[in-house]
Amino acid sequence: MMHGQIVWDHFKELQNEFPNLVLTFENSRYYIRGAVEFRAQFSNKELIAESYSIEIEVSDQYPFSLPVAKELGGRIPKSFHTFTNGTLCLGAPIAIKMTFSKDPTLLGFFKTLIVPYLYSFSYREKNNECMPYGELEHGAEGIISYYLELFQVTSIDAVLNFLRAMAFNKIRGHLPCPCESGSKIRYCHGPKLIEIQKFQTSSEFRMELIDCIEYVRRTRR
């Protein structure tokens, strides 16, 4: 199926749920803009009904490349999980890719990533407290925190070891596990590493490794 047809079919499904959205094609990119109205409840917190003005940019690599989002109404400050270019930081890169892979459609992107993000901001704004399912740090700190939880380890050095293994394809069943447990990879974190490798290229893991090493060097001085 042609790329444009995929985007259009996915958009029609999205528009059935969010009818105020409009699809346009500009400068070799598809853009979805309009009001996102939702009623949502997460983490057993309160039900929130809200509306945000949103822009979604869809590249010519979609659905193999994730859309990126901006909030256009000026409600969300740059200090709240946004990048310097104004796009929304929806989580650690690998976490976003893993979530999107479960439903790689525009509707899935909205339901599993955009709406939870908007809900979390509304909840924090309304209740003047932390996000309902915890704060995720920005940049390398957020990446490290995510991998600590994902691999169920407490050592940042172990996270760097995991990233090195994925960055340089050093995942061999007979090798010692990067977590430094003393077990071989095949009996320890091997299955998890093999699963995660499906979602990013070696070069993407190398970029994360570089950023995390630099962060560790700064914080350990």
N, C-alpha and C. Protein backbone atom coordinates (compact mmCIF):
# COMPACT_ATOMS: atom_id res chain seq x y z
N MET A 1 0.85 -1.20 0.00
CA MET A 1 0.00 0.00 0.00
C MET A 1 0.88 1.25 0.00
N MET A 2 0.52 2.23 -0.80
CA MET A 2 1.30 3.46 -0.88
C MET A 2 1.24 4.21 0.45
N HIS A 3 2.35 4.96 0.73
CA HIS A 3 2.47 5.67 2.01
C HIS A 3 1.28 6.61 2.22
N GLY A 4 0.93 7.39 1.20
CA GLY A 4 -0.17 8.34 1.35
C GLY A 4 -1.48 7.67 1.68
N GLN A 5 -1.71 6.50 1.11
CA GLN A 5 -2.95 5.77 1.39
C GLN A 5 -2.98 5.26 2.82
N ILE A 6 -1.81 4.82 3.31
CA ILE A 6 -1.73 4.37 4.71
C ILE A 6 -2.07 5.52 5.65
N VAL A 7 -1.46 6.69 5.41
CA VAL A 7 -1.72 7.85 6.26
C VAL A 7 -3.20 8.22 6.22
N TRP A 8 -3.76 8.23 5.02
CA TRP A 8 -5.17 8.63 4.87
C TRP A 8 -6.09 7.63 5.58
N ASP A 9 -5.84 6.34 5.40
CA ASP A 9 -6.67 5.33 6.06
C ASP A 9 -6.56 5.43 7.57
N HIS A 10 -5.34 5.63 8.07
CA HIS A 10 -5.15 5.77 9.52
C HIS A 10 -5.80 7.05 10.03
N PHE A 11 -5.73 8.11 9.22
CA PHE A 11 -6.34 9.37 9.65
C PHE A 11 -7.86 9.25 9.73
N LYS A 12 -8.49 8.58 8.79
CA LYS A 12 -9.95 8.42 8.83
C LYS A 12 -10.37 7.68 10.10
N GLU A 13 -9.61 6.68 10.48
CA GLU A 13 -9.88 5.97 11.73
C GLU A 13 -9.73 6.91 12.92
N LEU A 14 -8.68 7.74 12.91
CA LEU A 14 -8.45 8.71 13.97
C LEU A 14 -9.57 9.74 14.04
N GLN A 15 -9.99 10.22 12.87
CA GLN A 15 -11.00 11.28 12.82
C GLN A 15 -12.36 10.80 13.33
N ASN A 16 -12.62 9.52 13.22
CA ASN A 16 -13.87 8.98 13.76
C ASN A 16 -13.94 9.19 15.27
N GLU A 17 -12.79 9.17 15.91
CA GLU A 17 -12.74 9.33 17.36
C GLU A 17 -12.50 10.79 17.77
N PHE A 18 -11.74 11.51 16.94
CA PHE A 18 -11.44 12.92 17.21
C PHE A 18 -11.84 13.74 15.98
N PRO A 19 -13.12 14.07 15.86
CA PRO A 19 -13.66 14.67 14.62
C PRO A 19 -13.18 16.08 14.31
N ASN A 20 -12.54 16.76 15.25
CA ASN A 20 -12.10 18.13 15.00
C ASN A 20 -10.72 18.23 14.37
N LEU A 21 -10.13 17.10 14.03
CA LEU A 21 -8.80 17.08 13.43
C LEU A 21 -8.88 17.16 11.91
N VAL A 22 -7.87 17.83 11.31
CA VAL A 22 -7.80 18.02 9.87
C VAL A 22 -6.44 17.56 9.37
N LEU A 23 -6.41 16.86 8.24
CA LEU A 23 -5.16 16.38 7.64
C LEU A 23 -4.78 17.25 6.45
N THR A 24 -3.52 17.71 6.42
CA THR A 24 -3.01 18.48 5.29
C THR A 24 -1.67 17.91 4.85
N PHE A 25 -1.25 18.25 3.64
CA PHE A 25 0.04 17.81 3.10
C PHE A 25 0.85 19.05 2.74
N GLU A 26 1.99 19.23 3.42
CA GLU A 26 2.80 20.44 3.23
C GLU A 26 4.28 20.05 3.23
N ASN A 27 5.01 20.51 2.23
CA ASN A 27 6.47 20.31 2.18
C ASN A 27 6.87 18.85 2.42
N SER A 28 6.21 17.97 1.69
CA SER A 28 6.51 16.53 1.73
C SER A 28 6.22 15.89 3.08
N ARG A 29 5.40 16.54 3.89
CA ARG A 29 5.00 16.00 5.17
C ARG A 29 3.48 16.10 5.32
N TYR A 30 2.92 15.14 6.04
CA TYR A 30 1.52 15.23 6.43
C TYR A 30 1.44 15.87 7.81
N TYR A 31 0.45 16.74 7.98
CA TYR A 31 0.22 17.39 9.27
C TYR A 31 -1.23 17.18 9.67
N ILE A 32 -1.41 16.88 10.94
CA ILE A 32 -2.76 16.76 11.51
C ILE A 32 -2.89 17.84 12.57
N ARG A 33 -3.89 18.67 12.40
CA ARG A 33 -4.06 19.79 13.35
C ARG A 33 -5.52 19.87 13.79
N GLY A 34 -5.71 20.41 14.99
CA GLY A 34 -7.07 20.62 15.47
C GLY A 34 -7.18 20.37 16.96
N ALA A 35 -8.41 20.41 17.43
CA ALA A 35 -8.68 20.23 18.86
C ALA A 35 -8.83 18.75 19.19
N VAL A 36 -8.10 18.32 20.20
CA VAL A 36 -8.22 16.96 20.71
C VAL A 36 -9.04 17.03 21.99
N GLU A 37 -10.27 16.54 21.92
CA GLU A 37 -11.15 16.52 23.09
C GLU A 37 -11.18 15.09 23.63
N PHE A 38 -10.98 14.96 24.92
CA PHE A 38 -10.94 13.62 25.50
C PHE A 38 -11.49 13.61 26.92
N ARG A 39 -11.94 12.44 27.31
CA ARG A 39 -12.29 12.12 28.69
C ARG A 39 -11.45 10.91 29.06
N ALA A 40 -10.63 11.03 30.09
CA ALA A 40 -9.71 9.95 30.39
C ALA A 40 -9.48 9.84 31.89
N GLN A 41 -9.04 8.65 32.28
CA GLN A 41 -8.70 8.37 33.67
C GLN A 41 -7.56 7.36 33.68
N PHE A 42 -6.47 7.69 34.37
CA PHE A 42 -5.31 6.81 34.42
C PHE A 42 -4.87 6.61 35.87
N SER A 43 -4.27 5.48 36.12
CA SER A 43 -3.71 5.17 37.44
C SER A 43 -4.71 5.34 38.57
N ASN A 44 -5.98 5.02 38.28
CA ASN A 44 -7.05 5.12 39.28
C ASN A 44 -7.21 6.52 39.84
N LYS A 45 -6.79 7.50 39.07
CA LYS A 45 -6.98 8.89 39.47
C LYS A 45 -8.33 9.39 38.94
N GLU A 46 -8.57 10.67 39.10
CA GLU A 46 -9.87 11.22 38.72
C GLU A 46 -10.08 11.25 37.21
N LEU A 47 -11.34 11.23 36.82
CA LEU A 47 -11.71 11.39 35.43
C LEU A 47 -11.55 12.84 35.03
N ILE A 48 -10.86 13.08 33.92
CA ILE A 48 -10.63 14.44 33.44
C ILE A 48 -11.13 14.57 32.02
N ALA A 49 -11.89 15.63 31.77
CA ALA A 49 -12.35 15.97 30.42
C ALA A 49 -11.64 17.24 30.00
N GLU A 50 -10.99 17.23 28.85
CA GLU A 50 -10.17 18.37 28.43
C GLU A 50 -10.16 18.51 26.92
N SER A 51 -9.62 19.64 26.46
CA SER A 51 -9.43 19.89 25.03
C SER A 51 -8.13 20.64 24.83
N TYR A 52 -7.31 20.17 23.88
CA TYR A 52 -6.04 20.81 23.56
C TYR A 52 -5.93 20.98 22.04
N SER A 53 -5.28 22.06 21.65
CA SER A 53 -4.98 22.28 20.23
C SER A 53 -3.63 21.63 19.92
N ILE A 54 -3.64 20.69 18.98
CA ILE A 54 -2.48 19.84 18.74
C ILE A 54 -2.09 19.84 17.26
N GLU A 55 -0.78 19.72 17.02
CA GLU A 55 -0.27 19.48 15.67
C GLU A 55 0.56 18.21 15.68
N ILE A 56 0.29 17.33 14.73
CA ILE A 56 1.06 16.09 14.58
C ILE A 56 1.72 16.11 13.22
N GLU A 57 3.03 15.90 13.19
CA GLU A 57 3.78 15.81 11.93
C GLU A 57 4.06 14.35 11.63
N VAL A 58 3.69 13.92 10.41
CA VAL A 58 3.86 12.54 10.00
C VAL A 58 4.86 12.50 8.85
N SER A 59 6.00 11.84 9.04
CA SER A 59 7.05 11.84 8.02
C SER A 59 6.73 10.84 6.92
N ASP A 60 7.55 10.87 5.87
CA ASP A 60 7.35 9.95 4.74
C ASP A 60 7.78 8.53 5.09
N GLN A 61 8.32 8.32 6.30
CA GLN A 61 8.71 6.98 6.75
C GLN A 61 7.65 6.32 7.63
N TYR A 62 6.57 7.03 7.88
CA TYR A 62 5.50 6.48 8.71
C TYR A 62 4.90 5.25 8.02
N PRO A 63 4.56 4.19 8.77
CA PRO A 63 4.54 4.05 10.23
C PRO A 63 5.83 3.49 10.83
N PHE A 64 6.90 3.40 10.03
CA PHE A 64 8.17 2.91 10.57
C PHE A 64 8.90 4.00 11.34
N SER A 65 8.51 5.24 11.12
CA SER A 65 9.01 6.38 11.88
C SER A 65 7.83 7.01 12.62
N LEU A 66 8.02 7.27 13.89
CA LEU A 66 6.91 7.76 14.71
C LEU A 66 6.54 9.21 14.37
N PRO A 67 5.27 9.56 14.49
CA PRO A 67 4.88 10.98 14.38
C PRO A 67 5.47 11.77 15.54
N VAL A 68 5.52 13.10 15.36
CA VAL A 68 5.93 13.98 16.46
C VAL A 68 4.81 15.00 16.68
N ALA A 69 4.69 15.46 17.91
CA ALA A 69 3.55 16.28 18.29
C ALA A 69 3.97 17.60 18.90
N LYS A 70 3.12 18.62 18.70
CA LYS A 70 3.26 19.91 19.35
C LYS A 70 1.90 20.33 19.90
N GLU A 71 1.94 21.10 20.97
CA GLU A 71 0.73 21.71 21.51
C GLU A 71 0.71 23.15 21.04
N LEU A 72 -0.37 23.56 20.38
CA LEU A 72 -0.40 24.86 19.70
C LEU A 72 -1.08 25.97 20.51
N GLY A 73 -1.76 25.63 21.58
CA GLY A 73 -2.53 26.64 22.30
C GLY A 73 -1.76 27.42 23.34
N GLY A 74 -0.50 27.07 23.57
CA GLY A 74 0.30 27.79 24.56
C GLY A 74 0.00 27.43 26.00
N ARG A 75 -0.73 26.35 26.22
CA ARG A 75 -1.05 25.95 27.59
C ARG A 75 0.09 25.22 28.27
N ILE A 76 0.81 24.41 27.50
CA ILE A 76 1.86 23.59 28.08
C ILE A 76 3.19 24.34 28.02
N PRO A 77 3.78 24.67 29.16
CA PRO A 77 5.04 25.42 29.16
C PRO A 77 6.20 24.55 28.68
N LYS A 78 7.25 25.20 28.21
CA LYS A 78 8.42 24.47 27.71
C LYS A 78 9.10 23.66 28.80
N SER A 79 8.85 24.03 30.04
CA SER A 79 9.47 23.32 31.16
C SER A 79 8.81 21.96 31.41
N PHE A 80 7.65 21.73 30.78
CA PHE A 80 6.94 20.48 31.02
C PHE A 80 7.19 19.51 29.88
N HIS A 81 8.20 18.69 29.98
CA HIS A 81 8.44 17.57 29.08
C HIS A 81 8.26 17.95 27.60
N THR A 82 8.99 18.98 27.21
CA THR A 82 9.04 19.37 25.80
C THR A 82 10.50 19.52 25.39
N PHE A 83 10.76 19.32 24.09
CA PHE A 83 12.10 19.51 23.56
C PHE A 83 12.29 20.97 23.15
N THR A 84 13.52 21.35 22.86
CA THR A 84 13.83 22.73 22.52
C THR A 84 13.11 23.19 21.25
N ASN A 85 12.76 22.26 20.37
CA ASN A 85 12.04 22.64 19.14
C ASN A 85 10.53 22.71 19.33
N GLY A 86 10.08 22.52 20.57
CA GLY A 86 8.66 22.64 20.87
C GLY A 86 7.88 21.35 20.79
N THR A 87 8.48 20.26 20.34
CA THR A 87 7.77 18.99 20.27
C THR A 87 7.65 18.38 21.66
N LEU A 88 6.63 17.57 21.85
CA LEU A 88 6.35 17.00 23.15
C LEU A 88 7.25 15.80 23.42
N CYS A 89 7.79 15.74 24.62
CA CYS A 89 8.59 14.59 25.06
C CYS A 89 7.63 13.59 25.69
N LEU A 90 7.31 12.55 24.95
CA LEU A 90 6.29 11.59 25.38
C LEU A 90 6.86 10.45 26.21
N GLY A 91 8.18 10.46 26.43
CA GLY A 91 8.81 9.41 27.21
C GLY A 91 10.19 9.09 26.66
N ALA A 92 10.84 8.11 27.25
CA ALA A 92 12.13 7.66 26.74
C ALA A 92 11.93 7.11 25.32
N PRO A 93 12.88 7.37 24.41
CA PRO A 93 12.70 6.96 23.01
C PRO A 93 12.32 5.49 22.84
N ILE A 94 13.01 4.59 23.52
CA ILE A 94 12.70 3.17 23.37
C ILE A 94 11.32 2.84 23.92
N ALA A 95 10.90 3.54 24.97
CA ALA A 95 9.58 3.30 25.55
C ALA A 95 8.49 3.72 24.56
N ILE A 96 8.69 4.84 23.89
CA ILE A 96 7.71 5.30 22.90
C ILE A 96 7.60 4.30 21.77
N LYS A 97 8.73 3.82 21.28
CA LYS A 97 8.72 2.87 20.16
C LYS A 97 8.05 1.56 20.55
N MET A 98 8.32 1.10 21.75
CA MET A 98 7.72 -0.15 22.21
C MET A 98 6.22 0.01 22.38
N THR A 99 5.78 1.13 22.89
CA THR A 99 4.35 1.39 23.06
C THR A 99 3.66 1.49 21.70
N PHE A 100 4.27 2.25 20.78
CA PHE A 100 3.67 2.44 19.45
C PHE A 100 3.58 1.12 18.68
N SER A 101 4.54 0.24 18.90
CA SER A 101 4.57 -1.03 18.16
C SER A 101 3.35 -1.90 18.46
N LYS A 102 2.71 -1.69 19.60
CA LYS A 102 1.55 -2.49 19.97
C LYS A 102 0.31 -2.09 19.17
N ASP A 103 0.28 -0.86 18.69
CA ASP A 103 -0.83 -0.39 17.85
C ASP A 103 -0.28 0.70 16.94
N PRO A 104 0.45 0.33 15.87
CA PRO A 104 1.16 1.31 15.03
C PRO A 104 0.24 2.04 14.05
N THR A 105 -0.71 2.78 14.61
CA THR A 105 -1.65 3.58 13.84
C THR A 105 -1.72 4.97 14.46
N LEU A 106 -2.30 5.90 13.75
CA LEU A 106 -2.46 7.25 14.31
C LEU A 106 -3.38 7.23 15.52
N LEU A 107 -4.44 6.44 15.46
CA LEU A 107 -5.34 6.34 16.61
C LEU A 107 -4.62 5.73 17.79
N GLY A 108 -3.82 4.70 17.54
CA GLY A 108 -3.03 4.11 18.62
C GLY A 108 -2.06 5.10 19.21
N PHE A 109 -1.41 5.91 18.36
CA PHE A 109 -0.47 6.94 18.82
C PHE A 109 -1.18 7.93 19.74
N PHE A 110 -2.39 8.34 19.36
CA PHE A 110 -3.14 9.28 20.19
C PHE A 110 -3.56 8.65 21.51
N LYS A 111 -4.11 7.44 21.45
CA LYS A 111 -4.68 6.82 22.65
C LYS A 111 -3.61 6.40 23.66
N THR A 112 -2.47 5.92 23.17
CA THR A 112 -1.47 5.38 24.09
C THR A 112 -0.36 6.35 24.45
N LEU A 113 -0.22 7.44 23.68
CA LEU A 113 0.88 8.38 23.94
C LEU A 113 0.40 9.82 24.12
N ILE A 114 -0.40 10.33 23.19
CA ILE A 114 -0.81 11.73 23.27
C ILE A 114 -1.79 11.97 24.42
N VAL A 115 -2.86 11.20 24.48
CA VAL A 115 -3.87 11.43 25.54
C VAL A 115 -3.28 11.22 26.93
N PRO A 116 -2.49 10.17 27.20
CA PRO A 116 -1.87 10.06 28.53
C PRO A 116 -0.99 11.25 28.89
N TYR A 117 -0.26 11.77 27.89
CA TYR A 117 0.59 12.95 28.12
C TYR A 117 -0.28 14.15 28.50
N LEU A 118 -1.33 14.41 27.72
CA LEU A 118 -2.20 15.56 27.98
C LEU A 118 -2.94 15.39 29.31
N TYR A 119 -3.36 14.18 29.59
CA TYR A 119 -4.02 13.91 30.87
C TYR A 119 -3.08 14.23 32.03
N SER A 120 -1.83 13.80 31.91
CA SER A 120 -0.88 14.01 33.01
C SER A 120 -0.65 15.49 33.26
N PHE A 121 -0.59 16.29 32.17
CA PHE A 121 -0.42 17.73 32.37
C PHE A 121 -1.65 18.33 33.02
N SER A 122 -2.84 17.96 32.53
CA SER A 122 -4.08 18.48 33.11
C SER A 122 -4.20 18.12 34.58
N TYR A 123 -3.84 16.88 34.90
CA TYR A 123 -3.92 16.43 36.29
C TYR A 123 -2.99 17.25 37.18
N ARG A 124 -1.77 17.45 36.71
CA ARG A 124 -0.81 18.22 37.51
C ARG A 124 -1.26 19.66 37.65
N GLU A 125 -1.77 20.24 36.56
CA GLU A 125 -2.23 21.63 36.58
C GLU A 125 -3.43 21.79 37.51
N LYS A 126 -4.33 20.86 37.47
CA LYS A 126 -5.56 20.94 38.27
C LYS A 126 -5.31 20.70 39.74
N ASN A 127 -4.44 19.75 40.06
CA ASN A 127 -4.23 19.35 41.45
C ASN A 127 -2.97 19.92 42.08
N ASN A 128 -2.16 20.61 41.26
CA ASN A 128 -0.93 21.23 41.77
C ASN A 128 -0.05 20.20 42.48
N GLU A 129 0.10 19.05 41.83
CA GLU A 129 0.94 18.00 42.39
C GLU A 129 1.59 17.23 41.25
N CYS A 130 2.40 16.25 41.61
CA CYS A 130 3.13 15.49 40.60
C CYS A 130 2.20 14.77 39.64
N MET A 131 2.75 14.35 38.52
CA MET A 131 2.00 13.61 37.54
C MET A 131 1.44 12.33 38.15
N PRO A 132 0.30 11.83 37.65
CA PRO A 132 -0.38 10.70 38.29
C PRO A 132 0.42 9.41 38.29
N TYR A 133 1.35 9.23 37.34
CA TYR A 133 2.14 8.01 37.33
C TYR A 133 3.63 8.32 37.38
N GLY A 134 3.97 9.41 38.07
CA GLY A 134 5.37 9.73 38.33
C GLY A 134 6.01 10.59 37.26
N GLU A 135 7.02 11.31 37.67
CA GLU A 135 7.75 12.18 36.76
C GLU A 135 8.89 11.42 36.09
N LEU A 136 9.06 11.64 34.79
CA LEU A 136 10.20 11.07 34.08
C LEU A 136 11.19 12.18 33.80
N GLU A 137 12.45 11.94 34.18
CA GLU A 137 13.46 12.95 33.96
C GLU A 137 13.69 13.17 32.47
N HIS A 138 14.29 14.31 32.14
CA HIS A 138 14.56 14.66 30.76
C HIS A 138 15.89 14.05 30.30
N GLY A 139 16.04 13.95 28.98
CA GLY A 139 17.31 13.62 28.36
C GLY A 139 17.92 12.31 28.85
N ALA A 140 19.25 12.33 28.99
CA ALA A 140 19.98 11.12 29.38
C ALA A 140 19.53 10.61 30.74
N GLU A 141 19.20 11.52 31.65
CA GLU A 141 18.74 11.09 32.98
C GLU A 141 17.47 10.27 32.86
N GLY A 142 16.55 10.72 31.98
CA GLY A 142 15.32 9.97 31.77
C GLY A 142 15.56 8.63 31.13
N ILE A 143 16.50 8.58 30.18
CA ILE A 143 16.84 7.31 29.52
C ILE A 143 17.40 6.32 30.54
N ILE A 144 18.32 6.79 31.37
CA ILE A 144 18.90 5.92 32.39
C ILE A 144 17.82 5.41 33.35
N SER A 145 16.95 6.30 33.80
CA SER A 145 15.88 5.91 34.72
C SER A 145 14.98 4.84 34.11
N TYR A 146 14.68 5.02 32.82
CA TYR A 146 13.82 4.04 32.16
C TYR A 146 14.48 2.68 32.08
N TYR A 147 15.76 2.64 31.70
CA TYR A 147 16.45 1.36 31.59
C TYR A 147 16.68 0.70 32.95
N LEU A 148 16.89 1.50 33.98
CA LEU A 148 17.01 0.94 35.33
C LEU A 148 15.74 0.15 35.68
N GLU A 149 14.60 0.74 35.36
CA GLU A 149 13.33 0.07 35.65
C GLU A 149 13.09 -1.11 34.71
N LEU A 150 13.39 -0.91 33.44
CA LEU A 150 13.13 -1.96 32.44
C LEU A 150 13.93 -3.22 32.73
N PHE A 151 15.20 -3.04 33.10
CA PHE A 151 16.07 -4.20 33.35
C PHE A 151 16.06 -4.64 34.81
N GLN A 152 15.33 -3.88 35.66
CA GLN A 152 15.24 -4.22 37.08
C GLN A 152 16.63 -4.31 37.72
N VAL A 153 17.42 -3.25 37.49
CA VAL A 153 18.74 -3.15 38.11
C VAL A 153 18.82 -1.81 38.85
N THR A 154 19.84 -1.68 39.69
CA THR A 154 20.01 -0.44 40.46
C THR A 154 21.28 0.31 40.10
N SER A 155 22.11 -0.29 39.26
CA SER A 155 23.41 0.29 38.93
C SER A 155 23.37 1.01 37.58
N ILE A 156 23.77 2.27 37.57
CA ILE A 156 23.88 3.01 36.31
C ILE A 156 24.94 2.39 35.42
N ASP A 157 26.01 1.87 36.01
CA ASP A 157 27.05 1.21 35.22
C ASP A 157 26.48 0.01 34.47
N ALA A 158 25.53 -0.69 35.08
CA ALA A 158 24.89 -1.81 34.40
C ALA A 158 24.11 -1.33 33.18
N VAL A 159 23.44 -0.18 33.33
CA VAL A 159 22.71 0.39 32.19
C VAL A 159 23.67 0.71 31.05
N LEU A 160 24.81 1.30 31.37
CA LEU A 160 25.80 1.61 30.34
C LEU A 160 26.30 0.32 29.68
N ASN A 161 26.45 -0.73 30.46
CA ASN A 161 26.87 -2.02 29.90
C ASN A 161 25.82 -2.57 28.94
N PHE A 162 24.55 -2.45 29.32
CA PHE A 162 23.47 -2.90 28.44
C PHE A 162 23.50 -2.13 27.12
N LEU A 163 23.67 -0.81 27.22
CA LEU A 163 23.70 0.02 26.01
C LEU A 163 24.88 -0.33 25.12
N ARG A 164 26.03 -0.59 25.73
CA ARG A 164 27.21 -1.00 24.94
C ARG A 164 26.93 -2.30 24.20
N ALA A 165 26.30 -3.25 24.90
CA ALA A 165 26.01 -4.54 24.27
C ALA A 165 25.09 -4.37 23.07
N MET A 166 24.09 -3.49 23.19
CA MET A 166 23.14 -3.29 22.09
C MET A 166 23.72 -2.39 21.01
N ALA A 167 24.57 -1.46 21.40
CA ALA A 167 25.17 -0.54 20.44
C ALA A 167 26.17 -1.24 19.53
N PHE A 168 26.84 -2.25 20.06
CA PHE A 168 27.91 -2.91 19.30
C PHE A 168 27.62 -4.39 19.06
N ASN A 169 26.33 -4.76 19.19
CA ASN A 169 25.90 -6.13 18.90
C ASN A 169 26.73 -7.19 19.62
N LYS A 170 26.91 -6.96 20.92
CA LYS A 170 27.70 -7.88 21.74
C LYS A 170 26.79 -8.77 22.60
N ILE A 171 25.69 -9.21 22.02
CA ILE A 171 24.78 -10.06 22.76
C ILE A 171 24.99 -11.50 22.30
N ARG A 172 25.75 -12.25 23.05
CA ARG A 172 26.05 -13.65 22.76
C ARG A 172 25.71 -14.47 23.99
N GLY A 173 25.02 -15.55 23.79
CA GLY A 173 24.51 -16.32 24.92
C GLY A 173 25.57 -16.78 25.90
N HIS A 174 26.80 -17.02 25.42
CA HIS A 174 27.85 -17.55 26.30
C HIS A 174 28.61 -16.46 27.05
N LEU A 175 28.36 -15.19 26.68
CA LEU A 175 29.09 -14.09 27.33
C LEU A 175 28.49 -13.77 28.69
N PRO A 176 29.29 -13.16 29.59
CA PRO A 176 28.75 -12.72 30.88
C PRO A 176 27.68 -11.66 30.67
N CYS A 177 26.64 -11.70 31.47
CA CYS A 177 25.56 -10.71 31.33
C CYS A 177 26.07 -9.33 31.71
N PRO A 178 25.66 -8.30 30.94
CA PRO A 178 26.09 -6.92 31.25
C PRO A 178 25.70 -6.44 32.64
N CYS A 179 24.72 -7.09 33.27
CA CYS A 179 24.30 -6.64 34.61
C CYS A 179 25.32 -7.00 35.68
N GLU A 180 26.36 -7.79 35.29
CA GLU A 180 27.45 -8.18 36.18
C GLU A 180 26.98 -9.10 37.31
N SER A 181 25.96 -9.90 37.02
CA SER A 181 25.46 -10.86 38.01
C SER A 181 26.35 -12.09 38.11
N GLY A 182 27.19 -12.29 37.09
CA GLY A 182 28.00 -13.49 37.03
C GLY A 182 27.38 -14.58 36.18
N SER A 183 26.13 -14.41 35.80
CA SER A 183 25.44 -15.38 34.95
C SER A 183 25.75 -15.11 33.48
N LYS A 184 25.58 -16.12 32.65
CA LYS A 184 25.70 -15.92 31.22
C LYS A 184 24.45 -15.19 30.70
N ILE A 185 24.63 -14.47 29.60
CA ILE A 185 23.54 -13.67 29.05
C ILE A 185 22.30 -14.52 28.82
N ARG A 186 22.47 -15.73 28.29
CA ARG A 186 21.31 -16.55 27.92
C ARG A 186 20.45 -16.92 29.13
N TYR A 187 21.06 -16.93 30.31
CA TYR A 187 20.33 -17.29 31.52
C TYR A 187 19.89 -16.07 32.33
N CYS A 188 20.20 -14.90 31.83
CA CYS A 188 19.93 -13.68 32.62
C CYS A 188 19.11 -12.69 31.79
N HIS A 189 19.71 -11.62 31.31
CA HIS A 189 18.98 -10.57 30.60
C HIS A 189 18.95 -10.77 29.08
N GLY A 190 19.46 -11.89 28.60
CA GLY A 190 19.52 -12.11 27.16
C GLY A 190 18.18 -11.97 26.44
N PRO A 191 17.12 -12.65 26.90
CA PRO A 191 15.82 -12.52 26.21
C PRO A 191 15.31 -11.08 26.15
N LYS A 192 15.50 -10.33 27.23
CA LYS A 192 15.06 -8.93 27.24
C LYS A 192 15.87 -8.09 26.26
N LEU A 193 17.17 -8.31 26.21
CA LEU A 193 18.03 -7.58 25.28
C LEU A 193 17.65 -7.87 23.83
N ILE A 194 17.40 -9.12 23.52
CA ILE A 194 17.02 -9.49 22.15
C ILE A 194 15.69 -8.85 21.77
N GLU A 195 14.77 -8.80 22.73
CA GLU A 195 13.47 -8.16 22.47
C GLU A 195 13.63 -6.67 22.19
N ILE A 196 14.44 -6.00 22.99
CA ILE A 196 14.60 -4.56 22.87
C ILE A 196 15.31 -4.18 21.58
N GLN A 197 16.22 -5.01 21.13
CA GLN A 197 16.96 -4.72 19.91
C GLN A 197 16.07 -4.57 18.68
N LYS A 198 14.86 -5.09 18.75
CA LYS A 198 13.93 -5.00 17.62
C LYS A 198 13.45 -3.57 17.38
N PHE A 199 13.56 -2.71 18.40
CA PHE A 199 12.92 -1.42 18.34
C PHE A 199 13.85 -0.26 18.00
N GLN A 200 15.17 -0.50 18.04
CA GLN A 200 16.11 0.57 17.70
C GLN A 200 17.29 -0.03 16.93
N THR A 201 17.92 0.81 16.13
CA THR A 201 19.13 0.39 15.42
C THR A 201 20.34 0.49 16.35
N SER A 202 21.42 -0.14 15.94
CA SER A 202 22.66 -0.06 16.73
C SER A 202 23.12 1.38 16.86
N SER A 203 22.98 2.16 15.80
CA SER A 203 23.41 3.56 15.84
C SER A 203 22.57 4.36 16.83
N GLU A 204 21.28 4.05 16.95
CA GLU A 204 20.44 4.75 17.92
C GLU A 204 20.85 4.40 19.34
N PHE A 205 21.18 3.15 19.57
CA PHE A 205 21.68 2.77 20.91
C PHE A 205 23.03 3.43 21.19
N ARG A 206 23.87 3.59 20.15
CA ARG A 206 25.16 4.25 20.35
C ARG A 206 24.97 5.70 20.74
N MET A 207 24.01 6.37 20.13
CA MET A 207 23.73 7.77 20.48
C MET A 207 23.27 7.87 21.93
N GLU A 208 22.41 6.95 22.34
CA GLU A 208 21.97 6.94 23.74
C GLU A 208 23.15 6.68 24.66
N LEU A 209 24.01 5.75 24.28
CA LEU A 209 25.19 5.44 25.09
C LEU A 209 26.08 6.66 25.26
N ILE A 210 26.35 7.37 24.18
CA ILE A 210 27.19 8.57 24.24
C ILE A 210 26.58 9.61 25.17
N ASP A 211 25.27 9.85 25.01
CA ASP A 211 24.59 10.85 25.85
C ASP A 211 24.63 10.45 27.32
N CYS A 212 24.44 9.17 27.59
CA CYS A 212 24.42 8.70 28.97
C CYS A 212 25.81 8.74 29.61
N ILE A 213 26.83 8.39 28.84
CA ILE A 213 28.20 8.47 29.36
C ILE A 213 28.55 9.90 29.70
N GLU A 214 28.18 10.83 28.84
CA GLU A 214 28.46 12.24 29.09
C GLU A 214 27.72 12.71 30.35
N TYR A 215 26.47 12.28 30.49
CA TYR A 215 25.70 12.65 31.68
C TYR A 215 26.36 12.12 32.95
N VAL A 216 26.79 10.86 32.91
CA VAL A 216 27.44 10.25 34.08
C VAL A 216 28.73 10.97 34.42
N ARG A 217 29.51 11.33 33.43
CA ARG A 217 30.76 12.06 33.66
C ARG A 217 30.50 13.40 34.34
N ARG A 218 29.47 14.09 33.88
CA ARG A 218 29.15 15.41 34.48
C ARG A 218 28.71 15.26 35.92
N THR A 219 27.88 14.28 36.20
CA THR A 219 27.30 14.16 37.54
C THR A 219 28.24 13.52 38.54
N ARG A 220 29.29 12.84 38.06
CA ARG A 220 30.22 12.18 38.98
C ARG A 220 31.48 12.99 39.25
N ARG A 221 31.54 14.17 38.70
CA ARG A 221 32.73 15.00 38.94
C ARG A 221 32.78 15.47 40.40
